[in-house]
Amino acid sequence: MYQRLRNLREDKDLSQKELAKILGMSQTGYSKYETGENDIPTTILIKLADFYGTSIDYILGRSNQR
């Protein structure tokens, strides 16, 4: 799951800092999602899925279909 977050972000050519700003949070806070140090809240999962145009299941690794 965490590698998918990174891949999705990198596919958009965004830094963690840029994506964190879009999500309204700190870069450090977002980084902890990509490393698995913190669980991702549902509200952030929804924002990420909407932003990337994918499903939450894809982000969580429950589906391989974007």
C-alpha atoms as a PDB file:
ATOM      1  CA  MET A   1       0.000   0.000   0.000  1.00  0.00           C
ATOM      2  CA  TYR A   2       2.689   2.476   0.970  1.00  0.00           C
ATOM      3  CA  GLN A   3       4.641   1.995  -2.247  1.00  0.00           C
ATOM      4  CA  ARG A   4       1.444   2.679  -4.184  1.00  0.00           C
ATOM      5  CA  LEU A   5       1.074   6.035  -2.446  1.00  0.00           C
ATOM      6  CA  ARG A   6       4.591   6.951  -3.448  1.00  0.00           C
ATOM      7  CA  ASN A   7       4.135   5.715  -7.012  1.00  0.00           C
ATOM      8  CA  LEU A   8       0.899   7.657  -7.460  1.00  0.00           C
ATOM      9  CA  ARG A   9       2.546  10.817  -6.149  1.00  0.00           C
ATOM     10  CA  GLU A  10       5.630  10.389  -8.320  1.00  0.00           C
ATOM     11  CA  ASP A  11       3.477   9.692 -11.397  1.00  0.00           C
ATOM     12  CA  LYS A  12       2.092  13.224 -10.917  1.00  0.00           C
ATOM     13  CA  ASP A  13       5.641  14.600 -10.468  1.00  0.00           C
ATOM     14  CA  LEU A  14       4.804  15.902  -7.010  1.00  0.00           C
ATOM     15  CA  SER A  15       7.022  16.140  -3.962  1.00  0.00           C
ATOM     16  CA  GLN A  16       5.734  15.103  -0.561  1.00  0.00           C
ATOM     17  CA  LYS A  17       5.693  18.772   0.385  1.00  0.00           C
ATOM     18  CA  GLU A  18       3.527  19.708  -2.612  1.00  0.00           C
ATOM     19  CA  LEU A  19       1.045  16.902  -1.993  1.00  0.00           C
ATOM     20  CA  ALA A  20       0.915  17.665   1.727  1.00  0.00           C
ATOM     21  CA  LYS A  21       0.006  21.261   0.886  1.00  0.00           C
ATOM     22  CA  ILE A  22      -2.812  20.052  -1.385  1.00  0.00           C
ATOM     23  CA  LEU A  23      -4.092  17.872   1.475  1.00  0.00           C
ATOM     24  CA  GLY A  24      -3.751  20.707   3.991  1.00  0.00           C
ATOM     25  CA  MET A  25      -1.167  19.013   6.181  1.00  0.00           C
ATOM     26  CA  SER A  26       2.554  19.004   6.923  1.00  0.00           C
ATOM     27  CA  GLN A  27       5.125  17.196   4.814  1.00  0.00           C
ATOM     28  CA  THR A  28       6.196  15.238   7.891  1.00  0.00           C
ATOM     29  CA  GLY A  29       2.636  14.071   8.495  1.00  0.00           C
ATOM     30  CA  TYR A  30       2.217  12.941   4.904  1.00  0.00           C
ATOM     31  CA  SER A  31       5.617  11.224   4.908  1.00  0.00           C
ATOM     32  CA  LYS A  32       4.455   9.021   7.770  1.00  0.00           C
ATOM     33  CA  TYR A  33       1.643   7.714   5.553  1.00  0.00           C
ATOM     34  CA  GLU A  34       4.085   6.711   2.816  1.00  0.00           C
ATOM     35  CA  THR A  35       6.368   4.930   5.279  1.00  0.00           C
ATOM     36  CA  GLY A  36       3.523   3.218   7.116  1.00  0.00           C
ATOM     37  CA  GLU A  37       4.436   4.911  10.398  1.00  0.00           C
ATOM     38  CA  ASN A  38       0.877   6.297  10.680  1.00  0.00           C
ATOM     39  CA  ASP A  39      -2.414   4.885   9.444  1.00  0.00           C
ATOM     40  CA  ILE A  40      -4.166   7.008   6.850  1.00  0.00           C
ATOM     41  CA  PRO A  41      -7.446   8.517   8.087  1.00  0.00           C
ATOM     42  CA  THR A  42     -10.531   7.827   5.986  1.00  0.00           C
ATOM     43  CA  THR A  43     -10.916  11.509   5.064  1.00  0.00           C
ATOM     44  CA  ILE A  44      -7.374  11.577   3.666  1.00  0.00           C
ATOM     45  CA  LEU A  45      -7.942   8.304   1.780  1.00  0.00           C
ATOM     46  CA  ILE A  46     -11.000   9.824   0.128  1.00  0.00           C
ATOM     47  CA  LYS A  47      -9.074  12.977  -0.814  1.00  0.00           C
ATOM     48  CA  LEU A  48      -6.225  10.912  -2.261  1.00  0.00           C
ATOM     49  CA  ALA A  49      -8.551   8.665  -4.269  1.00  0.00           C
ATOM     50  CA  ASP A  50     -10.388  11.701  -5.664  1.00  0.00           C
ATOM     51  CA  PHE A  51      -7.143  13.530  -6.435  1.00  0.00           C
ATOM     52  CA  TYR A  52      -5.579  10.560  -8.236  1.00  0.00           C
ATOM     53  CA  GLY A  53      -8.812   9.424  -9.889  1.00  0.00           C
ATOM     54  CA  THR A  54      -8.510   5.952  -8.446  1.00  0.00           C
ATOM     55  CA  SER A  55     -10.287   3.818  -5.868  1.00  0.00           C
ATOM     56  CA  ILE A  56      -9.522   3.527  -2.196  1.00  0.00           C
ATOM     57  CA  ASP A  57      -9.237  -0.228  -2.782  1.00  0.00           C
ATOM     58  CA  TYR A  58      -6.367   0.406  -5.202  1.00  0.00           C
ATOM     59  CA  ILE A  59      -4.578   2.663  -2.721  1.00  0.00           C
ATOM     60  CA  LEU A  60      -5.009   0.060   0.035  1.00  0.00           C
ATOM     61  CA  GLY A  61      -3.767  -2.780  -2.199  1.00  0.00           C
ATOM     62  CA  ARG A  62      -7.128  -4.556  -2.297  1.00  0.00           C
ATOM     63  CA  SER A  63      -7.365  -4.185  -6.074  1.00  0.00           C
ATOM     64  CA  ASN A  64      -4.835  -3.938  -8.876  1.00  0.00           C
ATOM     65  CA  GLN A  65      -7.234  -1.991 -11.073  1.00  0.00           C
ATOM     66  CA  ARG A  66      -6.683   1.744 -10.851  1.00  0.00           C
END
